[in-house]
Amino acid sequence: MSKIVQAINAMILRPDRITEVFRGAHSKTEYFFIFMGKYKWSVDQDAPGLTIYYYPGTESTKQLAELDGEKWNHISMVSYTAKNLNSREATESMKELHTLLTERVYGLSEVLDDIIGSDYNG
């Protein structure tokens, strides 16, 4: 298993370490976030398939999420696609992380916790 897949799985296992989650302005399927308070990432479901990006620059995740057009030409990043990693685990891990981020942006985790914790019998 590649290190990036191991890192994605570590992120999924520690969602409490995911902060500053923003949906990208240029893509409705890309979510930007910080892991462990210092590593900037995004996951896009609609790039060339599932793609995870790492951003080593000084831009905040909010700044990255708001970028559009030509400004992307000046942003440093490393990308990994599920297709290039060519493993079922990479694809499934990226999908799971993307779902986790989607739920975080829309506050769905709290909604589901409220529903699960409610009295089923009314």
PDB file of N, CA and C in Angstrom:
ATOM      1  N   MET A   1       0.849  -1.176   0.000  1.00  0.00           N
ATOM      2  CA  MET A   1       0.000   0.000   0.000  1.00  0.00           C
ATOM      3  C   MET A   1       0.892   1.235   0.000  1.00  0.00           C
ATOM      4  N   SER A   2       0.527   2.230  -0.792  1.00  0.00           N
ATOM      5  CA  SER A   2       1.339   3.436  -0.873  1.00  0.00           C
ATOM      6  C   SER A   2       1.171   4.284   0.388  1.00  0.00           C
ATOM      7  N   LYS A   3       2.144   5.159   0.625  1.00  0.00           N
ATOM      8  CA  LYS A   3       2.092   6.033   1.798  1.00  0.00           C
ATOM      9  C   LYS A   3       0.899   6.974   1.751  1.00  0.00           C
ATOM     10  N   ILE A   4       0.518   7.449   0.563  1.00  0.00           N
ATOM     11  CA  ILE A   4      -0.611   8.379   0.489  1.00  0.00           C
ATOM     12  C   ILE A   4      -1.900   7.686   0.909  1.00  0.00           C
ATOM     13  N   VAL A   5      -2.078   6.432   0.551  1.00  0.00           N
ATOM     14  CA  VAL A   5      -3.274   5.698   0.970  1.00  0.00           C
ATOM     15  C   VAL A   5      -3.247   5.493   2.480  1.00  0.00           C
ATOM     16  N   GLN A   6      -2.096   5.200   3.032  1.00  0.00           N
ATOM     17  CA  GLN A   6      -1.968   5.077   4.488  1.00  0.00           C
ATOM     18  C   GLN A   6      -2.315   6.401   5.172  1.00  0.00           C
ATOM     19  N   ALA A   7      -1.858   7.516   4.592  1.00  0.00           N
ATOM     20  CA  ALA A   7      -2.150   8.836   5.161  1.00  0.00           C
ATOM     21  C   ALA A   7      -3.643   9.144   5.083  1.00  0.00           C
ATOM     22  N   ILE A   8      -4.274   8.834   3.965  1.00  0.00           N
ATOM     23  CA  ILE A   8      -5.718   9.053   3.826  1.00  0.00           C
ATOM     24  C   ILE A   8      -6.471   8.240   4.873  1.00  0.00           C
ATOM     25  N   ASN A   9      -6.074   6.996   5.052  1.00  0.00           N
ATOM     26  CA  ASN A   9      -6.721   6.145   6.053  1.00  0.00           C
ATOM     27  C   ASN A   9      -6.522   6.703   7.465  1.00  0.00           C
ATOM     28  N   ALA A  10      -5.350   7.262   7.741  1.00  0.00           N
ATOM     29  CA  ALA A  10      -5.097   7.886   9.047  1.00  0.00           C
ATOM     30  C   ALA A  10      -6.020   9.086   9.254  1.00  0.00           C
ATOM     31  N   MET A  11      -6.255   9.866   8.193  1.00  0.00           N
ATOM     32  CA  MET A  11      -7.164  11.012   8.285  1.00  0.00           C
ATOM     33  C   MET A  11      -8.584  10.546   8.596  1.00  0.00           C
ATOM     34  N   ILE A  12      -9.005   9.485   7.942  1.00  0.00           N
ATOM     35  CA  ILE A  12     -10.353   8.950   8.149  1.00  0.00           C
ATOM     36  C   ILE A  12     -10.516   8.454   9.583  1.00  0.00           C
ATOM     37  N   LEU A  13      -9.475   7.832  10.105  1.00  0.00           N
ATOM     38  CA  LEU A  13      -9.527   7.301  11.466  1.00  0.00           C
ATOM     39  C   LEU A  13      -9.464   8.392  12.535  1.00  0.00           C
ATOM     40  N   ARG A  14      -8.987   9.588  12.175  1.00  0.00           N
ATOM     41  CA  ARG A  14      -8.861  10.701  13.130  1.00  0.00           C
ATOM     42  C   ARG A  14      -9.589  11.943  12.620  1.00  0.00           C
ATOM     43  N   PRO A  15     -10.901  11.855  12.420  1.00  0.00           N
ATOM     44  CA  PRO A  15     -11.630  13.009  11.889  1.00  0.00           C
ATOM     45  C   PRO A  15     -11.591  14.224  12.813  1.00  0.00           C
ATOM     46  N   ASP A  16     -11.309  14.000  14.089  1.00  0.00           N
ATOM     47  CA  ASP A  16     -11.198  15.111  15.031  1.00  0.00           C
ATOM     48  C   ASP A  16      -9.996  16.003  14.719  1.00  0.00           C
ATOM     49  N   ARG A  17      -9.056  15.512  13.942  1.00  0.00           N
ATOM     50  CA  ARG A  17      -7.875  16.290  13.558  1.00  0.00           C
ATOM     51  C   ARG A  17      -8.079  17.040  12.235  1.00  0.00           C
ATOM     52  N   ILE A  18      -9.268  16.925  11.673  1.00  0.00           N
ATOM     53  CA  ILE A  18      -9.609  17.648  10.444  1.00  0.00           C
ATOM     54  C   ILE A  18     -10.314  18.942  10.831  1.00  0.00           C
ATOM     55  N   THR A  19      -9.754  20.070  10.381  1.00  0.00           N
ATOM     56  CA  THR A  19     -10.331  21.373  10.706  1.00  0.00           C
ATOM     57  C   THR A  19     -10.388  22.244   9.454  1.00  0.00           C
ATOM     58  N   GLU A  20     -11.018  23.399   9.606  1.00  0.00           N
ATOM     59  CA  GLU A  20     -11.092  24.410   8.551  1.00  0.00           C
ATOM     60  C   GLU A  20     -11.489  23.810   7.201  1.00  0.00           C
ATOM     61  N   VAL A  21     -12.647  23.197   7.177  1.00  0.00           N
ATOM     62  CA  VAL A  21     -13.145  22.552   5.954  1.00  0.00           C
ATOM     63  C   VAL A  21     -13.991  23.550   5.169  1.00  0.00           C
ATOM     64  N   PHE A  22     -13.645  23.727   3.891  1.00  0.00           N
ATOM     65  CA  PHE A  22     -14.363  24.644   3.011  1.00  0.00           C
ATOM     66  C   PHE A  22     -14.632  23.971   1.671  1.00  0.00           C
ATOM     67  N   ARG A  23     -15.797  24.238   1.121  1.00  0.00           N
ATOM     68  CA  ARG A  23     -16.080  23.774  -0.242  1.00  0.00           C
ATOM     69  C   ARG A  23     -15.463  24.752  -1.217  1.00  0.00           C
ATOM     70  N   GLY A  24     -14.840  24.251  -2.268  1.00  0.00           N
ATOM     71  CA  GLY A  24     -14.186  25.093  -3.251  1.00  0.00           C
ATOM     72  C   GLY A  24     -15.172  25.922  -4.055  1.00  0.00           C
ATOM     73  N   ALA A  25     -14.790  27.159  -4.349  1.00  0.00           N
ATOM     74  CA  ALA A  25     -15.643  28.051  -5.134  1.00  0.00           C
ATOM     75  C   ALA A  25     -15.690  27.635  -6.599  1.00  0.00           C
ATOM     76  N   HIS A  26     -14.632  27.015  -7.078  1.00  0.00           N
ATOM     77  CA  HIS A  26     -14.557  26.656  -8.497  1.00  0.00           C
ATOM     78  C   HIS A  26     -15.111  25.261  -8.787  1.00  0.00           C
ATOM     79  N   SER A  27     -15.358  24.475  -7.744  1.00  0.00           N
ATOM     80  CA  SER A  27     -15.854  23.116  -7.933  1.00  0.00           C
ATOM     81  C   SER A  27     -16.778  22.766  -6.777  1.00  0.00           C
ATOM     82  N   LYS A  28     -17.956  22.304  -7.093  1.00  0.00           N
ATOM     83  CA  LYS A  28     -18.899  21.923  -6.041  1.00  0.00           C
ATOM     84  C   LYS A  28     -18.551  20.591  -5.409  1.00  0.00           C
ATOM     85  N   THR A  29     -17.530  19.922  -5.937  1.00  0.00           N
ATOM     86  CA  THR A  29     -17.177  18.601  -5.413  1.00  0.00           C
ATOM     87  C   THR A  29     -15.799  18.576  -4.752  1.00  0.00           C
ATOM     88  N   GLU A  30     -15.169  19.749  -4.584  1.00  0.00           N
ATOM     89  CA  GLU A  30     -13.844  19.786  -3.957  1.00  0.00           C
ATOM     90  C   GLU A  30     -13.948  20.404  -2.572  1.00  0.00           C
ATOM     91  N   TYR A  31     -13.319  19.746  -1.599  1.00  0.00           N
ATOM     92  CA  TYR A  31     -13.315  20.220  -0.221  1.00  0.00           C
ATOM     93  C   TYR A  31     -11.877  20.399   0.252  1.00  0.00           C
ATOM     94  N   PHE A  32     -11.607  21.564   0.815  1.00  0.00           N
ATOM     95  CA  PHE A  32     -10.292  21.920   1.343  1.00  0.00           C
ATOM     96  C   PHE A  32     -10.319  21.765   2.857  1.00  0.00           C
ATOM     97  N   PHE A  33      -9.190  21.323   3.426  1.00  0.00           N
ATOM     98  CA  PHE A  33      -9.157  21.130   4.875  1.00  0.00           C
ATOM     99  C   PHE A  33      -7.723  21.126   5.382  1.00  0.00           C
ATOM    100  N   ILE A  34      -7.609  21.240   6.698  1.00  0.00           N
ATOM    101  CA  ILE A  34      -6.309  21.138   7.362  1.00  0.00           C
ATOM    102  C   ILE A  34      -6.340  19.879   8.213  1.00  0.00           C
ATOM    103  N   PHE A  35      -5.244  19.147   8.191  1.00  0.00           N
ATOM    104  CA  PHE A  35      -5.117  17.970   9.045  1.00  0.00           C
ATOM    105  C   PHE A  35      -3.997  18.209  10.047  1.00  0.00           C
ATOM    106  N   MET A  36      -4.262  17.893  11.293  1.00  0.00           N
ATOM    107  CA  MET A  36      -3.304  18.052  12.409  1.00  0.00           C
ATOM    108  C   MET A  36      -2.890  19.511  12.604  1.00  0.00           C
ATOM    109  N   GLY A  37      -3.722  20.431  12.184  1.00  0.00           N
ATOM    110  CA  GLY A  37      -3.453  21.844  12.400  1.00  0.00           C
ATOM    111  C   GLY A  37      -2.376  22.437  11.519  1.00  0.00           C
ATOM    112  N   LYS A  38      -1.836  21.653  10.559  1.00  0.00           N
ATOM    113  CA  LYS A  38      -0.736  22.202   9.769  1.00  0.00           C
ATOM    114  C   LYS A  38      -0.652  21.732   8.322  1.00  0.00           C
ATOM    115  N   TYR A  39      -1.289  20.656   7.964  1.00  0.00           N
ATOM    116  CA  TYR A  39      -1.162  20.128   6.608  1.00  0.00           C
ATOM    117  C   TYR A  39      -2.415  20.454   5.807  1.00  0.00           C
ATOM    118  N   LYS A  40      -2.246  21.186   4.699  1.00  0.00           N
ATOM    119  CA  LYS A  40      -3.375  21.634   3.875  1.00  0.00           C
ATOM    120  C   LYS A  40      -3.609  20.659   2.722  1.00  0.00           C
ATOM    121  N   TRP A  41      -4.866  20.257   2.569  1.00  0.00           N
ATOM    122  CA  TRP A  41      -5.260  19.271   1.577  1.00  0.00           C
ATOM    123  C   TRP A  41      -6.574  19.676   0.925  1.00  0.00           C
ATOM    124  N   SER A  42      -6.875  19.038  -0.175  1.00  0.00           N
ATOM    125  CA  SER A  42      -8.233  19.057  -0.712  1.00  0.00           C
ATOM    126  C   SER A  42      -8.482  17.711  -1.383  1.00  0.00           C
ATOM    127  N   VAL A  43      -9.757  17.365  -1.449  1.00  0.00           N
ATOM    128  CA  VAL A  43     -10.180  16.154  -2.147  1.00  0.00           C
ATOM    129  C   VAL A  43     -11.258  16.575  -3.125  1.00  0.00           C
ATOM    130  N   ASP A  44     -11.106  16.153  -4.370  1.00  0.00           N
ATOM    131  CA  ASP A  44     -12.078  16.487  -5.406  1.00  0.00           C
ATOM    132  C   ASP A  44     -12.587  15.201  -6.033  1.00  0.00           C
ATOM    133  N   GLN A  45     -13.882  15.091  -6.094  1.00  0.00           N
ATOM    134  CA  GLN A  45     -14.510  13.907  -6.677  1.00  0.00           C
ATOM    135  C   GLN A  45     -14.676  14.042  -8.181  1.00  0.00           C
ATOM    136  N   ASP A  46     -14.547  15.269  -8.693  1.00  0.00           N
ATOM    137  CA  ASP A  46     -14.872  15.505 -10.089  1.00  0.00           C
ATOM    138  C   ASP A  46     -13.679  15.941 -10.936  1.00  0.00           C
ATOM    139  N   ALA A  47     -12.472  15.840 -10.393  1.00  0.00           N
ATOM    140  CA  ALA A  47     -11.278  16.160 -11.186  1.00  0.00           C
ATOM    141  C   ALA A  47     -11.113  15.018 -12.193  1.00  0.00           C
ATOM    142  N   PRO A  48      -9.908  14.613 -12.511  1.00  0.00           N
ATOM    143  CA  PRO A  48      -9.798  13.406 -13.347  1.00  0.00           C
ATOM    144  C   PRO A  48     -10.090  12.175 -12.479  1.00  0.00           C
ATOM    145  N   GLY A  49     -11.339  12.017 -12.097  1.00  0.00           N
ATOM    146  CA  GLY A  49     -11.708  10.997 -11.124  1.00  0.00           C
ATOM    147  C   GLY A  49     -11.444  11.551  -9.732  1.00  0.00           C
ATOM    148  N   LEU A  50     -11.391  10.692  -8.746  1.00  0.00           N
ATOM    149  CA  LEU A  50     -11.076  11.122  -7.384  1.00  0.00           C
ATOM    150  C   LEU A  50      -9.624  11.562  -7.304  1.00  0.00           C
ATOM    151  N   THR A  51      -9.411  12.749  -6.717  1.00  0.00           N
ATOM    152  CA  THR A  51      -8.054  13.277  -6.604  1.00  0.00           C
ATOM    153  C   THR A  51      -7.877  13.923  -5.241  1.00  0.00           C
ATOM    154  N   ILE A  52      -6.718  13.689  -4.631  1.00  0.00           N
ATOM    155  CA  ILE A  52      -6.361  14.374  -3.394  1.00  0.00           C
ATOM    156  C   ILE A  52      -5.148  15.249  -3.688  1.00  0.00           C
ATOM    157  N   TYR A  53      -5.170  16.472  -3.156  1.00  0.00           N
ATOM    158  CA  TYR A  53      -4.099  17.440  -3.375  1.00  0.00           C
ATOM    159  C   TYR A  53      -3.492  17.841  -2.042  1.00  0.00           C
ATOM    160  N   TYR A  54      -2.184  18.008  -2.031  1.00  0.00           N
ATOM    161  CA  TYR A  54      -1.473  18.551  -0.879  1.00  0.00           C
ATOM    162  C   TYR A  54      -0.915  19.914  -1.274  1.00  0.00           C
ATOM    163  N   TYR A  55      -1.067  20.915  -0.391  1.00  0.00           N
ATOM    164  CA  TYR A  55      -0.632  22.288  -0.665  1.00  0.00           C
ATOM    165  C   TYR A  55       0.458  22.701   0.321  1.00  0.00           C
ATOM    166  N   PRO A  56       1.724  22.769  -0.120  1.00  0.00           N
ATOM    167  CA  PRO A  56       2.818  23.134   0.776  1.00  0.00           C
ATOM    168  C   PRO A  56       3.000  24.641   0.980  1.00  0.00           C
ATOM    169  N   GLY A  57       2.283  25.465   0.232  1.00  0.00           N
ATOM    170  CA  GLY A  57       2.468  26.920   0.278  1.00  0.00           C
ATOM    171  C   GLY A  57       1.898  27.569   1.526  1.00  0.00           C
ATOM    172  N   THR A  58       1.910  28.898   1.516  1.00  0.00           N
ATOM    173  CA  THR A  58       1.488  29.679   2.681  1.00  0.00           C
ATOM    174  C   THR A  58       0.005  30.052   2.661  1.00  0.00           C
ATOM    175  N   GLU A  59      -0.707  29.743   1.600  1.00  0.00           N
ATOM    176  CA  GLU A  59      -2.121  30.084   1.502  1.00  0.00           C
ATOM    177  C   GLU A  59      -2.928  29.298   2.539  1.00  0.00           C
ATOM    178  N   SER A  60      -3.968  29.946   3.071  1.00  0.00           N
ATOM    179  CA  SER A  60      -4.865  29.246   3.992  1.00  0.00           C
ATOM    180  C   SER A  60      -5.835  28.389   3.185  1.00  0.00           C
ATOM    181  N   THR A  61      -6.515  27.466   3.857  1.00  0.00           N
ATOM    182  CA  THR A  61      -7.493  26.648   3.146  1.00  0.00           C
ATOM    183  C   THR A  61      -8.643  27.519   2.636  1.00  0.00           C
ATOM    184  N   LYS A  62      -9.000  28.538   3.386  1.00  0.00           N
ATOM    185  CA  LYS A  62     -10.059  29.456   2.926  1.00  0.00           C
ATOM    186  C   LYS A  62      -9.624  30.176   1.655  1.00  0.00           C
ATOM    187  N   GLN A  63      -8.382  30.643   1.613  1.00  0.00           N
ATOM    188  CA  GLN A  63      -7.867  31.311   0.409  1.00  0.00           C
ATOM    189  C   GLN A  63      -7.853  30.339  -0.775  1.00  0.00           C
ATOM    190  N   LEU A  64      -7.405  29.137  -0.534  1.00  0.00           N
ATOM    191  CA  LEU A  64      -7.370  28.131  -1.595  1.00  0.00           C
ATOM    192  C   LEU A  64      -8.781  27.832  -2.106  1.00  0.00           C
ATOM    193  N   ALA A  65      -9.721  27.696  -1.189  1.00  0.00           N
ATOM    194  CA  ALA A  65     -11.098  27.382  -1.571  1.00  0.00           C
ATOM    195  C   ALA A  65     -11.722  28.487  -2.412  1.00  0.00           C
ATOM    196  N   GLU A  66     -11.275  29.722  -2.206  1.00  0.00           N
ATOM    197  CA  GLU A  66     -11.855  30.861  -2.924  1.00  0.00           C
ATOM    198  C   GLU A  66     -11.179  31.157  -4.259  1.00  0.00           C
ATOM    199  N   LEU A  67     -10.048  30.518  -4.540  1.00  0.00           N
ATOM    200  CA  LEU A  67      -9.341  30.771  -5.794  1.00  0.00           C
ATOM    201  C   LEU A  67     -10.136  30.290  -6.999  1.00  0.00           C
ATOM    202  N   ASP A  68      -9.899  30.972  -8.106  1.00  0.00           N
ATOM    203  CA  ASP A  68     -10.560  30.578  -9.338  1.00  0.00           C
ATOM    204  C   ASP A  68      -9.673  30.955 -10.517  1.00  0.00           C
ATOM    205  N   GLY A  69      -9.848  30.278 -11.621  1.00  0.00           N
ATOM    206  CA  GLY A  69      -9.195  30.629 -12.880  1.00  0.00           C
ATOM    207  C   GLY A  69      -7.683  30.613 -12.874  1.00  0.00           C
ATOM    208  N   GLU A  70      -7.097  31.630 -13.468  1.00  0.00           N
ATOM    209  CA  GLU A  70      -5.648  31.737 -13.690  1.00  0.00           C
ATOM    210  C   GLU A  70      -4.833  31.726 -12.407  1.00  0.00           C
ATOM    211  N   LYS A  71      -5.423  32.129 -11.302  1.00  0.00           N
ATOM    212  CA  LYS A  71      -4.686  32.205 -10.034  1.00  0.00           C
ATOM    213  C   LYS A  71      -4.137  30.835  -9.620  1.00  0.00           C
ATOM    214  N   TRP A  72      -4.770  29.767 -10.094  1.00  0.00           N
ATOM    215  CA  TRP A  72      -4.297  28.417  -9.762  1.00  0.00           C
ATOM    216  C   TRP A  72      -2.911  28.135 -10.345  1.00  0.00           C
ATOM    217  N   ASN A  73      -2.528  28.862 -11.391  1.00  0.00           N
ATOM    218  CA  ASN A  73      -1.220  28.643 -12.015  1.00  0.00           C
ATOM    219  C   ASN A  73      -0.068  28.973 -11.078  1.00  0.00           C
ATOM    220  N   HIS A  74      -0.332  29.714 -10.014  1.00  0.00           N
ATOM    221  CA  HIS A  74       0.717  30.138  -9.091  1.00  0.00           C
ATOM    222  C   HIS A  74       0.695  29.369  -7.767  1.00  0.00           C
ATOM    223  N   ILE A  75      -0.110  28.343  -7.680  1.00  0.00           N
ATOM    224  CA  ILE A  75      -0.250  27.567  -6.449  1.00  0.00           C
ATOM    225  C   ILE A  75       0.560  26.273  -6.564  1.00  0.00           C
ATOM    226  N   SER A  76       1.402  26.043  -5.568  1.00  0.00           N
ATOM    227  CA  SER A  76       2.167  24.787  -5.508  1.00  0.00           C
ATOM    228  C   SER A  76       1.276  23.695  -4.929  1.00  0.00           C
ATOM    229  N   MET A  77       1.331  22.525  -5.542  1.00  0.00           N
ATOM    230  CA  MET A  77       0.537  21.407  -5.054  1.00  0.00           C
ATOM    231  C   MET A  77       1.107  20.088  -5.563  1.00  0.00           C
ATOM    232  N   VAL A  78       0.757  19.040  -4.841  1.00  0.00           N
ATOM    233  CA  VAL A  78       1.075  17.680  -5.256  1.00  0.00           C
ATOM    234  C   VAL A  78      -0.261  16.958  -5.348  1.00  0.00           C
ATOM    235  N   SER A  79      -0.477  16.240  -6.438  1.00  0.00           N
ATOM    236  CA  SER A  79      -1.762  15.552  -6.591  1.00  0.00           C
ATOM    237  C   SER A  79      -1.572  14.050  -6.750  1.00  0.00           C
ATOM    238  N   TYR A  80      -2.574  13.333  -6.251  1.00  0.00           N
ATOM    239  CA  TYR A  80      -2.632  11.879  -6.384  1.00  0.00           C
ATOM    240  C   TYR A  80      -4.042  11.535  -6.856  1.00  0.00           C
ATOM    241  N   THR A  81      -4.135  10.800  -7.950  1.00  0.00           N
ATOM    242  CA  THR A  81      -5.450  10.372  -8.412  1.00  0.00           C
ATOM    243  C   THR A  81      -5.664   8.905  -8.077  1.00  0.00           C
ATOM    244  N   ALA A  82      -6.903   8.563  -7.825  1.00  0.00           N
ATOM    245  CA  ALA A  82      -7.224   7.163  -7.555  1.00  0.00           C
ATOM    246  C   ALA A  82      -6.857   6.305  -8.758  1.00  0.00           C
ATOM    247  N   LYS A  83      -7.062   6.867  -9.943  1.00  0.00           N
ATOM    248  CA  LYS A  83      -6.755   6.124 -11.165  1.00  0.00           C
ATOM    249  C   LYS A  83      -5.253   5.796 -11.247  1.00  0.00           C
ATOM    250  N   ASN A  84      -4.403   6.786 -10.938  1.00  0.00           N
ATOM    251  CA  ASN A  84      -2.957   6.557 -11.004  1.00  0.00           C
ATOM    252  C   ASN A  84      -2.465   5.631  -9.903  1.00  0.00           C
ATOM    253  N   LEU A  85      -3.110   5.681  -8.751  1.00  0.00           N
ATOM    254  CA  LEU A  85      -2.716   4.775  -7.665  1.00  0.00           C
ATOM    255  C   LEU A  85      -3.157   3.354  -7.967  1.00  0.00           C
ATOM    256  N   ASN A  86      -4.185   3.245  -8.812  1.00  0.00           N
ATOM    257  CA  ASN A  86      -4.586   1.966  -9.383  1.00  0.00           C
ATOM    258  C   ASN A  86      -4.831   0.878  -8.342  1.00  0.00           C
ATOM    259  N   SER A  87      -5.566   1.229  -7.288  1.00  0.00           N
ATOM    260  CA  SER A  87      -5.945   0.200  -6.324  1.00  0.00           C
ATOM    261  C   SER A  87      -7.351   0.475  -5.822  1.00  0.00           C
ATOM    262  N   ARG A  88      -8.042  -0.572  -5.540  1.00  0.00           N
ATOM    263  CA  ARG A  88      -9.408  -0.450  -5.020  1.00  0.00           C
ATOM    264  C   ARG A  88      -9.385   0.277  -3.672  1.00  0.00           C
ATOM    265  N   GLU A  89      -8.380   0.002  -2.856  1.00  0.00           N
ATOM    266  CA  GLU A  89      -8.298   0.643  -1.548  1.00  0.00           C
ATOM    267  C   GLU A  89      -8.116   2.154  -1.679  1.00  0.00           C
ATOM    268  N   ALA A  90      -7.306   2.603  -2.641  1.00  0.00           N
ATOM    269  CA  ALA A  90      -7.113   4.039  -2.852  1.00  0.00           C
ATOM    270  C   ALA A  90      -8.434   4.695  -3.211  1.00  0.00           C
ATOM    271  N   THR A  91      -9.174   4.090  -4.119  1.00  0.00           N
ATOM    272  CA  THR A  91     -10.467   4.633  -4.540  1.00  0.00           C
ATOM    273  C   THR A  91     -11.442   4.680  -3.379  1.00  0.00           C
ATOM    274  N   GLU A  92     -11.563   3.580  -2.648  1.00  0.00           N
ATOM    275  CA  GLU A  92     -12.499   3.524  -1.525  1.00  0.00           C
ATOM    276  C   GLU A  92     -12.101   4.493  -0.415  1.00  0.00           C
ATOM    277  N   SER A  93     -10.810   4.618  -0.143  1.00  0.00           N
ATOM    278  CA  SER A  93     -10.348   5.538   0.903  1.00  0.00           C
ATOM    279  C   SER A  93     -10.623   6.986   0.519  1.00  0.00           C
ATOM    280  N   MET A  94     -10.360   7.346  -0.726  1.00  0.00           N
ATOM    281  CA  MET A  94     -10.638   8.713  -1.178  1.00  0.00           C
ATOM    282  C   MET A  94     -12.129   9.011  -1.127  1.00  0.00           C
ATOM    283  N   LYS A  95     -12.964   8.042  -1.525  1.00  0.00           N
ATOM    284  CA  LYS A  95     -14.418   8.228  -1.463  1.00  0.00           C
ATOM    285  C   LYS A  95     -14.865   8.458  -0.020  1.00  0.00           C
ATOM    286  N   GLU A  96     -14.327   7.662   0.889  1.00  0.00           N
ATOM    287  CA  GLU A  96     -14.713   7.779   2.291  1.00  0.00           C
ATOM    288  C   GLU A  96     -14.293   9.133   2.873  1.00  0.00           C
ATOM    289  N   LEU A  97     -13.084   9.579   2.549  1.00  0.00           N
ATOM    290  CA  LEU A  97     -12.632  10.887   3.016  1.00  0.00           C
ATOM    291  C   LEU A  97     -13.487  11.994   2.424  1.00  0.00           C
ATOM    292  N   HIS A  98     -13.819  11.898   1.148  1.00  0.00           N
ATOM    293  CA  HIS A  98     -14.666  12.899   0.499  1.00  0.00           C
ATOM    294  C   HIS A  98     -16.030  12.960   1.180  1.00  0.00           C
ATOM    295  N   THR A  99     -16.614  11.814   1.491  1.00  0.00           N
ATOM    296  CA  THR A  99     -17.904  11.774   2.177  1.00  0.00           C
ATOM    297  C   THR A  99     -17.809  12.407   3.555  1.00  0.00           C
ATOM    298  N   LEU A 100     -16.747  12.101   4.288  1.00  0.00           N
ATOM    299  CA  LEU A 100     -16.539  12.684   5.610  1.00  0.00           C
ATOM    300  C   LEU A 100     -16.480  14.215   5.529  1.00  0.00           C
ATOM    301  N   LEU A 101     -15.777  14.739   4.546  1.00  0.00           N
ATOM    302  CA  LEU A 101     -15.650  16.188   4.378  1.00  0.00           C
ATOM    303  C   LEU A 101     -16.976  16.819   3.966  1.00  0.00           C
ATOM    304  N   THR A 102     -17.712  16.153   3.087  1.00  0.00           N
ATOM    305  CA  THR A 102     -19.027  16.646   2.677  1.00  0.00           C
ATOM    306  C   THR A 102     -19.939  16.754   3.890  1.00  0.00           C
ATOM    307  N   GLU A 103     -19.954  15.710   4.700  1.00  0.00           N
ATOM    308  CA  GLU A 103     -20.781  15.714   5.911  1.00  0.00           C
ATOM    309  C   GLU A 103     -20.354  16.828   6.864  1.00  0.00           C
ATOM    310  N   ARG A 104     -19.056  17.077   6.963  1.00  0.00           N
ATOM    311  CA  ARG A 104     -18.546  18.119   7.850  1.00  0.00           C
ATOM    312  C   ARG A 104     -19.007  19.496   7.385  1.00  0.00           C
ATOM    313  N   VAL A 105     -18.917  19.772   6.091  1.00  0.00           N
ATOM    314  CA  VAL A 105     -19.310  21.082   5.558  1.00  0.00           C
ATOM    315  C   VAL A 105     -20.786  21.365   5.828  1.00  0.00           C
ATOM    316  N   TYR A 106     -21.617  20.362   5.706  1.00  0.00           N
ATOM    317  CA  TYR A 106     -23.053  20.562   5.861  1.00  0.00           C
ATOM    318  C   TYR A 106     -23.573  20.236   7.263  1.00  0.00           C
ATOM    319  N   GLY A 107     -22.669  19.940   8.210  1.00  0.00           N
ATOM    320  CA  GLY A 107     -23.085  19.657   9.582  1.00  0.00           C
ATOM    321  C   GLY A 107     -23.890  18.383   9.713  1.00  0.00           C
ATOM    322  N   LEU A 108     -23.727  17.483   8.761  1.00  0.00           N
ATOM    323  CA  LEU A 108     -24.531  16.272   8.734  1.00  0.00           C
ATOM    324  C   LEU A 108     -24.214  15.326   9.889  1.00  0.00           C
ATOM    325  N   SER A 109     -23.000  15.314  10.360  1.00  0.00           N
ATOM    326  CA  SER A 109     -22.627  14.435  11.473  1.00  0.00           C
ATOM    327  C   SER A 109     -23.481  14.728  12.704  1.00  0.00           C
ATOM    328  N   GLU A 110     -23.674  16.022  12.997  1.00  0.00           N
ATOM    329  CA  GLU A 110     -24.493  16.410  14.146  1.00  0.00           C
ATOM    330  C   GLU A 110     -25.950  16.013  13.932  1.00  0.00           C
ATOM    331  N   VAL A 111     -26.438  16.198  12.704  1.00  0.00           N
ATOM    332  CA  VAL A 111     -27.813  15.817  12.385  1.00  0.00           C
ATOM    333  C   VAL A 111     -27.997  14.322  12.592  1.00  0.00           C
ATOM    334  N   LEU A 112     -27.077  13.521  12.066  1.00  0.00           N
ATOM    335  CA  LEU A 112     -27.188  12.074  12.190  1.00  0.00           C
ATOM    336  C   LEU A 112     -27.068  11.627  13.648  1.00  0.00           C
ATOM    337  N   ASP A 113     -26.144  12.246  14.397  1.00  0.00           N
ATOM    338  CA  ASP A 113     -26.011  11.925  15.821  1.00  0.00           C
ATOM    339  C   ASP A 113     -27.312  12.231  16.563  1.00  0.00           C
ATOM    340  N   ASP A 114     -27.946  13.354  16.234  1.00  0.00           N
ATOM    341  CA  ASP A 114     -29.210  13.732  16.864  1.00  0.00           C
ATOM    342  C   ASP A 114     -30.294  12.712  16.544  1.00  0.00           C
ATOM    343  N   ILE A 115     -30.351  12.296  15.287  1.00  0.00           N
ATOM    344  CA  ILE A 115     -31.358  11.311  14.880  1.00  0.00           C
ATOM    345  C   ILE A 115     -31.095   9.968  15.549  1.00  0.00           C
ATOM    346  N   ILE A 116     -29.847   9.525  15.533  1.00  0.00           N
ATOM    347  CA  ILE A 116     -29.503   8.225  16.145  1.00  0.00           C
ATOM    348  C   ILE A 116     -29.757   8.240  17.647  1.00  0.00           C
ATOM    349  N   GLY A 117     -29.487   9.369  18.295  1.00  0.00           N
ATOM    350  CA  GLY A 117     -29.671   9.479  19.744  1.00  0.00           C
ATOM    351  C   GLY A 117     -31.109   9.730  20.162  1.00  0.00           C
ATOM    352  N   SER A 118     -31.998   9.965  19.215  1.00  0.00           N
ATOM    353  CA  SER A 118     -33.397  10.237  19.570  1.00  0.00           C
ATOM    354  C   SER A 118     -34.117   8.960  19.924  1.00  0.00           C
ATOM    355  N   ASP A 119     -35.263   9.136  20.539  1.00  0.00           N
ATOM    356  CA  ASP A 119     -36.108   7.992  20.918  1.00  0.00           C
ATOM    357  C   ASP A 119     -36.845   7.484  19.684  1.00  0.00           C
ATOM    358  N   TYR A 120     -36.553   6.265  19.268  1.00  0.00           N
ATOM    359  CA  TYR A 120     -37.179   5.706  18.067  1.00  0.00           C
ATOM    360  C   TYR A 120     -38.688   5.550  18.211  1.00  0.00           C
ATOM    361  N   ASN A 121     -39.157   5.406  19.434  1.00  0.00           N
ATOM    362  CA  ASN A 121     -40.581   5.155  19.652  1.00  0.00           C
ATOM    363  C   ASN A 121     -41.410   6.432  19.727  1.00  0.00           C
ATOM    364  N   GLY A 122     -40.750   7.554  19.517  1.00  0.00           N
ATOM    365  CA  GLY A 122     -41.466   8.825  19.479  1.00  0.00           C
ATOM    366  C   GLY A 122     -41.785   9.273  20.842  1.00  0.00           C
TER     367      GLY A 122
END
